[in-house]
C-alpha atoms as a PDB file:
ATOM      1  CA  UNK A   1      21.116 -13.170  15.003  1.00  0.00           C
ATOM      2  CA  UNK A   2      24.264 -13.914  12.981  1.00  0.00           C
ATOM      3  CA  UNK A   3      23.362 -11.098  10.567  1.00  0.00           C
ATOM      4  CA  UNK A   4      23.010  -8.723  13.511  1.00  0.00           C
ATOM      5  CA  UNK A   5      26.421  -9.709  14.915  1.00  0.00           C
ATOM      6  CA  UNK A   6      27.999  -9.274  11.486  1.00  0.00           C
ATOM      7  CA  UNK A   7      26.425  -5.822  11.102  1.00  0.00           C
ATOM      8  CA  UNK A   8      27.646  -4.743  14.539  1.00  0.00           C
ATOM      9  CA  UNK A   9      31.147  -6.037  13.787  1.00  0.00           C
ATOM     10  CA  UNK A  10      31.154  -4.121  10.494  1.00  0.00           C
ATOM     11  CA  UNK A  11      30.228  -0.949  12.387  1.00  0.00           C
ATOM     12  CA  UNK A  12      32.985  -1.536  14.971  1.00  0.00           C
ATOM     13  CA  UNK A  13      35.497  -2.159  12.154  1.00  0.00           C
ATOM     14  CA  UNK A  14      34.390   1.101  10.514  1.00  0.00           C
ATOM     15  CA  UNK A  15      34.805   2.999  13.805  1.00  0.00           C
ATOM     16  CA  UNK A  16      38.338   1.627  14.179  1.00  0.00           C
ATOM     17  CA  UNK A  17      39.237   2.625  10.608  1.00  0.00           C
ATOM     18  CA  UNK A  18      37.679   6.078  11.046  1.00  0.00           C
ATOM     19  CA  UNK A  19      39.508   6.778  14.314  1.00  0.00           C
ATOM     20  CA  UNK A  20      42.742   4.936  13.562  1.00  0.00           C
ATOM     21  CA  UNK A  21      42.421   3.328  17.000  1.00  0.00           C
ATOM     22  CA  UNK A  22      41.984  -0.325  17.920  1.00  0.00           C
ATOM     23  CA  UNK A  23      39.071  -1.526  20.007  1.00  0.00           C
ATOM     24  CA  UNK A  24      41.512  -1.919  22.922  1.00  0.00           C
ATOM     25  CA  UNK A  25      42.591   1.733  22.571  1.00  0.00           C
ATOM     26  CA  UNK A  26      38.992   2.925  22.331  1.00  0.00           C
ATOM     27  CA  UNK A  27      38.092   0.799  25.366  1.00  0.00           C
ATOM     28  CA  UNK A  28      40.947   2.396  27.334  1.00  0.00           C
ATOM     29  CA  UNK A  29      39.688   5.848  26.343  1.00  0.00           C
ATOM     30  CA  UNK A  30      36.207   4.952  27.608  1.00  0.00           C
ATOM     31  CA  UNK A  31      37.660   3.583  30.854  1.00  0.00           C
ATOM     32  CA  UNK A  32      39.747   6.734  31.325  1.00  0.00           C
ATOM     33  CA  UNK A  33      36.619   8.884  30.902  1.00  0.00           C
ATOM     34  CA  UNK A  34      35.510   7.861  34.375  1.00  0.00           C
ATOM     35  CA  UNK A  35      32.001   7.027  33.191  1.00  0.00           C
ATOM     36  CA  UNK A  36      30.526   3.592  33.806  1.00  0.00           C
ATOM     37  CA  UNK A  37      26.887   3.781  32.715  1.00  0.00           C
ATOM     38  CA  UNK A  38      25.909   3.167  29.107  1.00  0.00           C
ATOM     39  CA  UNK A  39      24.141   6.510  28.618  1.00  0.00           C
ATOM     40  CA  UNK A  40      26.954   8.498  30.208  1.00  0.00           C
ATOM     41  CA  UNK A  41      29.578   6.867  28.018  1.00  0.00           C
ATOM     42  CA  UNK A  42      27.466   7.315  24.880  1.00  0.00           C
ATOM     43  CA  UNK A  43      26.968  11.018  25.594  1.00  0.00           C
ATOM     44  CA  UNK A  44      30.701  11.401  26.340  1.00  0.00           C
ATOM     45  CA  UNK A  45      31.610   9.915  22.949  1.00  0.00           C
ATOM     46  CA  UNK A  46      29.070  12.081  21.151  1.00  0.00           C
ATOM     47  CA  UNK A  47      30.281  15.216  22.904  1.00  0.00           C
ATOM     48  CA  UNK A  48      34.024  14.608  22.871  1.00  0.00           C
ATOM     49  CA  UNK A  49      34.439  12.950  19.481  1.00  0.00           C
ATOM     50  CA  UNK A  50      31.545  14.509  17.585  1.00  0.00           C
ATOM     51  CA  UNK A  51      30.127  11.077  16.796  1.00  0.00           C
ATOM     52  CA  UNK A  52      26.552  10.247  15.941  1.00  0.00           C
ATOM     53  CA  UNK A  53      24.380   8.227  18.285  1.00  0.00           C
ATOM     54  CA  UNK A  54      24.755   5.030  16.233  1.00  0.00           C
ATOM     55  CA  UNK A  55      28.557   4.830  16.371  1.00  0.00           C
ATOM     56  CA  UNK A  56      28.676   5.910  20.005  1.00  0.00           C
ATOM     57  CA  UNK A  57      26.024   3.380  21.005  1.00  0.00           C
ATOM     58  CA  UNK A  58      27.724   0.554  19.081  1.00  0.00           C
ATOM     59  CA  UNK A  59      31.072   1.272  20.711  1.00  0.00           C
ATOM     60  CA  UNK A  60      29.546   1.368  24.196  1.00  0.00           C
ATOM     61  CA  UNK A  61      27.954  -2.046  23.600  1.00  0.00           C
ATOM     62  CA  UNK A  62      31.289  -3.390  22.330  1.00  0.00           C
ATOM     63  CA  UNK A  63      33.269  -1.950  25.244  1.00  0.00           C
ATOM     64  CA  UNK A  64      30.774  -3.030  27.909  1.00  0.00           C
ATOM     65  CA  UNK A  65      30.138  -6.316  26.076  1.00  0.00           C
ATOM     66  CA  UNK A  66      26.386  -5.865  26.168  1.00  0.00           C
ATOM     67  CA  UNK A  67      23.730  -6.354  23.545  1.00  0.00           C
ATOM     68  CA  UNK A  68      20.936  -4.175  24.907  1.00  0.00           C
ATOM     69  CA  UNK A  69      18.914  -7.039  26.374  1.00  0.00           C
ATOM     70  CA  UNK A  70      20.822  -8.133  29.463  1.00  0.00           C
ATOM     71  CA  UNK A  71      19.790  -5.183  31.617  1.00  0.00           C
ATOM     72  CA  UNK A  72      16.082  -5.794  31.025  1.00  0.00           C
ATOM     73  CA  UNK A  73      16.493  -9.540  31.468  1.00  0.00           C
ATOM     74  CA  UNK A  74      18.381  -9.033  34.742  1.00  0.00           C
ATOM     75  CA  UNK A  75      15.379  -7.099  36.024  1.00  0.00           C
ATOM     76  CA  UNK A  76      13.027  -9.894  34.936  1.00  0.00           C
ATOM     77  CA  UNK A  77      11.600  -7.819  32.090  1.00  0.00           C
ATOM     78  CA  UNK A  78      10.619  -9.181  28.711  1.00  0.00           C
ATOM     79  CA  UNK A  79      10.053  -7.125  25.569  1.00  0.00           C
ATOM     80  CA  UNK A  80       6.318  -7.385  26.256  1.00  0.00           C
ATOM     81  CA  UNK A  81       6.607  -6.089  29.841  1.00  0.00           C
ATOM     82  CA  UNK A  82       8.808  -3.217  28.695  1.00  0.00           C
ATOM     83  CA  UNK A  83       6.186  -2.287  26.085  1.00  0.00           C
ATOM     84  CA  UNK A  84       3.434  -2.550  28.707  1.00  0.00           C
ATOM     85  CA  UNK A  85       5.352  -0.091  30.887  1.00  0.00           C
ATOM     86  CA  UNK A  86       5.994   2.284  27.995  1.00  0.00           C
ATOM     87  CA  UNK A  87       2.360   2.337  26.916  1.00  0.00           C
ATOM     88  CA  UNK A  88       0.702   3.163  30.239  1.00  0.00           C
ATOM     89  CA  UNK A  89      -1.303   6.211  31.244  1.00  0.00           C
ATOM     90  CA  UNK A  90      -1.959   8.664  28.417  1.00  0.00           C
ATOM     91  CA  UNK A  91       0.444   6.736  26.170  1.00  0.00           C
ATOM     92  CA  UNK A  92      -1.711   3.605  26.225  1.00  0.00           C
ATOM     93  CA  UNK A  93      -3.705   4.910  23.247  1.00  0.00           C
ATOM     94  CA  UNK A  94      -0.511   4.640  21.150  1.00  0.00           C
ATOM     95  CA  UNK A  95      -0.009   0.906  21.772  1.00  0.00           C
ATOM     96  CA  UNK A  96      -2.408  -0.197  18.990  1.00  0.00           C
ATOM     97  CA  UNK A  97      -0.450   1.989  16.555  1.00  0.00           C
ATOM     98  CA  UNK A  98       2.796   0.390  17.722  1.00  0.00           C
ATOM     99  CA  UNK A  99       1.344  -3.105  17.319  1.00  0.00           C
ATOM    100  CA  UNK A 100      -0.020  -2.409  13.817  1.00  0.00           C
ATOM    101  CA  UNK A 101       3.275  -0.859  12.717  1.00  0.00           C
ATOM    102  CA  UNK A 102       5.282  -3.782  14.085  1.00  0.00           C
ATOM    103  CA  UNK A 103       2.964  -6.234  12.300  1.00  0.00           C
ATOM    104  CA  UNK A 104       3.681  -4.431   9.017  1.00  0.00           C
ATOM    105  CA  UNK A 105       7.431  -4.385   9.647  1.00  0.00           C
ATOM    106  CA  UNK A 106       7.447  -8.128  10.336  1.00  0.00           C
ATOM    107  CA  UNK A 107       6.097  -8.666   6.826  1.00  0.00           C
ATOM    108  CA  UNK A 108       9.436  -7.374   5.420  1.00  0.00           C
ATOM    109  CA  UNK A 109      11.395 -10.270   6.902  1.00  0.00           C
ATOM    110  CA  UNK A 110      13.345 -11.399   9.936  1.00  0.00           C
ATOM    111  CA  UNK A 111      14.652  -8.824  12.411  1.00  0.00           C
ATOM    112  CA  UNK A 112      15.221  -8.363  16.145  1.00  0.00           C
ATOM    113  CA  UNK A 113      13.398  -5.881  18.347  1.00  0.00           C
ATOM    114  CA  UNK A 114      14.775  -4.337  21.508  1.00  0.00           C
ATOM    115  CA  UNK A 115      12.207  -1.977  23.017  1.00  0.00           C
ATOM    116  CA  UNK A 116      13.718   0.645  25.294  1.00  0.00           C
ATOM    117  CA  UNK A 117      11.930   1.826  28.403  1.00  0.00           C
ATOM    118  CA  UNK A 118      14.102   4.939  28.630  1.00  0.00           C
ATOM    119  CA  UNK A 119      12.903   8.019  26.777  1.00  0.00           C
ATOM    120  CA  UNK A 120      15.230  10.816  25.778  1.00  0.00           C
ATOM    121  CA  UNK A 121      14.512  14.435  26.505  1.00  0.00           C
ATOM    122  CA  UNK A 122      15.073  17.089  23.845  1.00  0.00           C
ATOM    123  CA  UNK A 123      18.286  19.051  24.150  1.00  0.00           C
ATOM    124  CA  UNK A 124      18.809  22.666  23.196  1.00  0.00           C
ATOM    125  CA  UNK A 125      18.136  23.594  19.591  1.00  0.00           C
ATOM    126  CA  UNK A 126      21.150  23.216  17.324  1.00  0.00           C
ATOM    127  CA  UNK A 127      22.083  24.160  13.800  1.00  0.00           C
ATOM    128  CA  UNK A 128      22.832  21.205  11.577  1.00  0.00           C
ATOM    129  CA  UNK A 129      24.904  21.744   8.439  1.00  0.00           C
ATOM    130  CA  UNK A 130      24.374  19.595   5.387  1.00  0.00           C
ATOM    131  CA  UNK A 131      26.911  18.898   2.642  1.00  0.00           C
ATOM    132  CA  UNK A 132      25.544  21.644   0.453  1.00  0.00           C
ATOM    133  CA  UNK A 133      27.344  24.933   1.131  1.00  0.00           C
ATOM    134  CA  UNK A 134      25.260  27.390   3.115  1.00  0.00           C
ATOM    135  CA  UNK A 135      22.372  24.960   3.573  1.00  0.00           C
ATOM    136  CA  UNK A 136      21.313  24.847   7.222  1.00  0.00           C
ATOM    137  CA  UNK A 137      18.367  23.559   9.232  1.00  0.00           C
ATOM    138  CA  UNK A 138      17.543  24.225  12.860  1.00  0.00           C
ATOM    139  CA  UNK A 139      16.430  21.036  14.515  1.00  0.00           C
ATOM    140  CA  UNK A 140      15.982  19.432  17.879  1.00  0.00           C
ATOM    141  CA  UNK A 141      18.779  17.186  19.030  1.00  0.00           C
ATOM    142  CA  UNK A 142      17.607  14.292  21.214  1.00  0.00           C
ATOM    143  CA  UNK A 143      19.933  13.218  23.976  1.00  0.00           C
END
């Protein structure tokens, strides 16, 4: 878990360097947005600052002082119960694929898993520009 905390801190440090704002200033900006739920704040940061999901998500966790597990734990959910809920109905046929993939990933070394019950719906199609001049792809943006 120490490696995870160090990686998150590195990302927060990078965000502060990139924006020129301290964590306290960024926290005040989030508070002033009027949003209180994780997803709302994340989408606000993505929309208003043009950030990617990773930076926005990391900042929300830092500002709200969460790690992605407390909400599930507060509801009495474990990773296994969250996965059971995700893979119900027609999706249950995908659970063996998930389990096999996770077993392969574990062979690479130590890591943490945080399954999310929430699924994101596709947003309107957007044009994404790459670094190469004139090179564009139309893709789905997931929000």
